[in-house]
Amino acid sequence: MAISLTESAAKQIKKQLDKRGSGVGLKLGVKKSGCSGFAYTIDYADEVHEGDRVFEKYGVKVITTQDDLAVIDGIELDYRREGINEAFKFNNPNVTGMCGCGESFSV
């Protein structure tokens, strides 16, 4: 079971944590949402809780719960700039379908 991130995503996470001035990493998860079933959640992680899974690459930690890992196992987190838009992109091999607007996904 693993979560990976691109160098671009790691740089953006580090930049945001430095700007915030605190935090141990990025908290990545899922919630039930939308017409397809799940949506990604991203937040700052100020601590690692018992039972959390921690993945580190390029000196940046991504933290998730064991329950969420079942849905996002194998995901690659990327950060891209396309024109004037920039955002995290989720390359999740478990996704079997997405809603029309791209907000939610099913596994």
Protein backbone atom coordinates (compact mmCIF):
# COMPACT_ATOMS: atom_id res chain seq x y z
CA MET A 1 0.00 0.00 0.00
CA ALA A 2 1.43 3.34 -0.99
CA ILE A 3 0.86 6.97 -1.80
CA SER A 4 3.38 8.73 -4.01
CA LEU A 5 3.84 12.30 -5.10
CA THR A 6 5.64 14.06 -7.87
CA GLU A 7 8.45 16.48 -7.22
CA SER A 8 6.12 19.30 -8.28
CA ALA A 9 3.53 18.27 -5.67
CA ALA A 10 6.21 17.99 -2.98
CA LYS A 11 7.48 21.50 -3.74
CA GLN A 12 3.95 22.92 -3.51
CA ILE A 13 3.22 21.14 -0.22
CA LYS A 14 6.51 22.36 1.25
CA LYS A 15 5.80 25.89 0.04
CA GLN A 16 2.34 25.89 1.67
CA LEU A 17 3.64 24.43 4.96
CA ASP A 18 6.45 27.01 5.04
CA LYS A 19 3.96 29.81 4.34
CA ARG A 20 1.69 28.52 7.11
CA GLY A 21 4.62 28.24 9.51
CA SER A 22 3.63 24.91 11.03
CA GLY A 23 2.49 21.40 10.21
CA VAL A 24 4.08 18.00 9.76
CA GLY A 25 2.69 17.31 6.30
CA LEU A 26 -0.35 17.03 4.09
CA LYS A 27 -3.43 15.09 5.22
CA LEU A 28 -4.96 13.29 2.22
CA GLY A 29 -8.28 11.50 2.48
CA VAL A 30 -11.68 10.89 0.96
CA LYS A 31 -15.25 11.64 1.95
CA LYS A 32 -18.58 10.43 0.63
CA SER A 33 -19.74 13.09 -1.80
CA GLY A 34 -21.23 13.87 -5.16
CA CYS A 35 -23.07 11.65 -7.56
CA SER A 36 -20.26 9.10 -7.95
CA GLY A 37 -19.51 8.34 -4.33
CA PHE A 38 -16.23 9.88 -3.11
CA ALA A 39 -14.33 13.17 -3.22
CA TYR A 40 -10.74 13.86 -2.17
CA THR A 41 -9.98 15.89 0.94
CA ILE A 42 -6.75 17.80 1.54
CA ASP A 43 -5.75 19.57 4.73
CA TYR A 44 -2.72 20.39 6.81
CA ALA A 45 -1.60 17.71 9.24
CA ASP A 46 -0.40 19.16 12.53
CA GLU A 47 0.28 15.76 14.05
CA VAL A 48 0.28 12.08 13.22
CA HIS A 49 -2.43 10.16 15.04
CA GLU A 50 -2.24 6.55 16.11
CA GLY A 51 -3.25 4.36 13.20
CA ASP A 52 -2.35 6.98 10.54
CA ARG A 53 -0.21 5.88 7.63
CA VAL A 54 2.68 8.17 6.69
CA PHE A 55 4.35 8.25 3.28
CA GLU A 56 7.39 10.44 2.64
CA LYS A 57 9.03 11.51 -0.58
CA TYR A 58 11.23 14.50 -1.45
CA GLY A 59 11.28 15.34 2.27
CA VAL A 60 7.50 15.84 2.44
CA LYS A 61 5.05 13.70 4.41
CA VAL A 62 1.61 12.68 3.19
CA ILE A 63 -0.60 11.31 5.93
CA THR A 64 -3.81 9.31 5.58
CA THR A 65 -5.98 6.99 7.62
CA GLN A 66 -6.02 3.25 7.09
CA ASP A 67 -9.70 3.44 6.03
CA ASP A 68 -8.99 6.11 3.38
CA LEU A 69 -5.95 4.23 2.13
CA ALA A 70 -8.24 1.41 1.03
CA VAL A 71 -9.73 3.83 -1.55
CA ILE A 72 -6.56 5.73 -2.54
CA ASP A 73 -3.92 3.00 -2.42
CA GLY A 74 -1.50 3.49 -5.29
CA ILE A 75 -2.47 7.13 -5.88
CA GLU A 76 0.05 9.59 -7.25
CA LEU A 77 -0.45 13.20 -6.18
CA ASP A 78 0.72 15.73 -8.74
CA TYR A 79 0.62 19.53 -8.90
CA ARG A 80 0.21 21.18 -12.29
CA ARG A 81 -0.05 24.64 -13.72
CA GLU A 82 -2.14 24.87 -16.88
CA GLY A 83 -2.40 28.41 -18.16
CA ILE A 84 -3.55 30.56 -15.25
CA ASN A 85 -4.92 27.57 -13.33
CA GLU A 86 -2.91 25.50 -10.91
CA ALA A 87 -4.10 22.62 -8.75
CA PHE A 88 -3.35 19.24 -7.29
CA LYS A 89 -4.14 16.34 -9.62
CA PHE A 90 -5.00 12.87 -8.39
CA ASN A 91 -3.84 9.88 -10.44
CA ASN A 92 -5.74 7.10 -8.67
CA PRO A 93 -5.55 3.63 -10.27
CA ASN A 94 -8.61 2.49 -8.27
CA VAL A 95 -11.06 4.90 -9.93
CA THR A 96 -13.65 3.11 -12.05
CA GLY A 97 -15.78 6.14 -12.88
CA MET A 98 -16.13 9.90 -12.41
CA CYS A 99 -19.08 12.23 -12.38
CA GLY A 100 -19.51 14.62 -15.31
CA CYS A 101 -18.17 17.64 -13.43
CA GLY A 102 -15.12 15.73 -12.14
CA GLU A 103 -15.84 16.45 -8.47
CA SER A 104 -16.51 12.89 -7.36
CA PHE A 105 -15.36 9.41 -8.29
CA SER A 106 -16.22 5.76 -7.72
CA VAL A 107 -14.00 2.77 -7.02
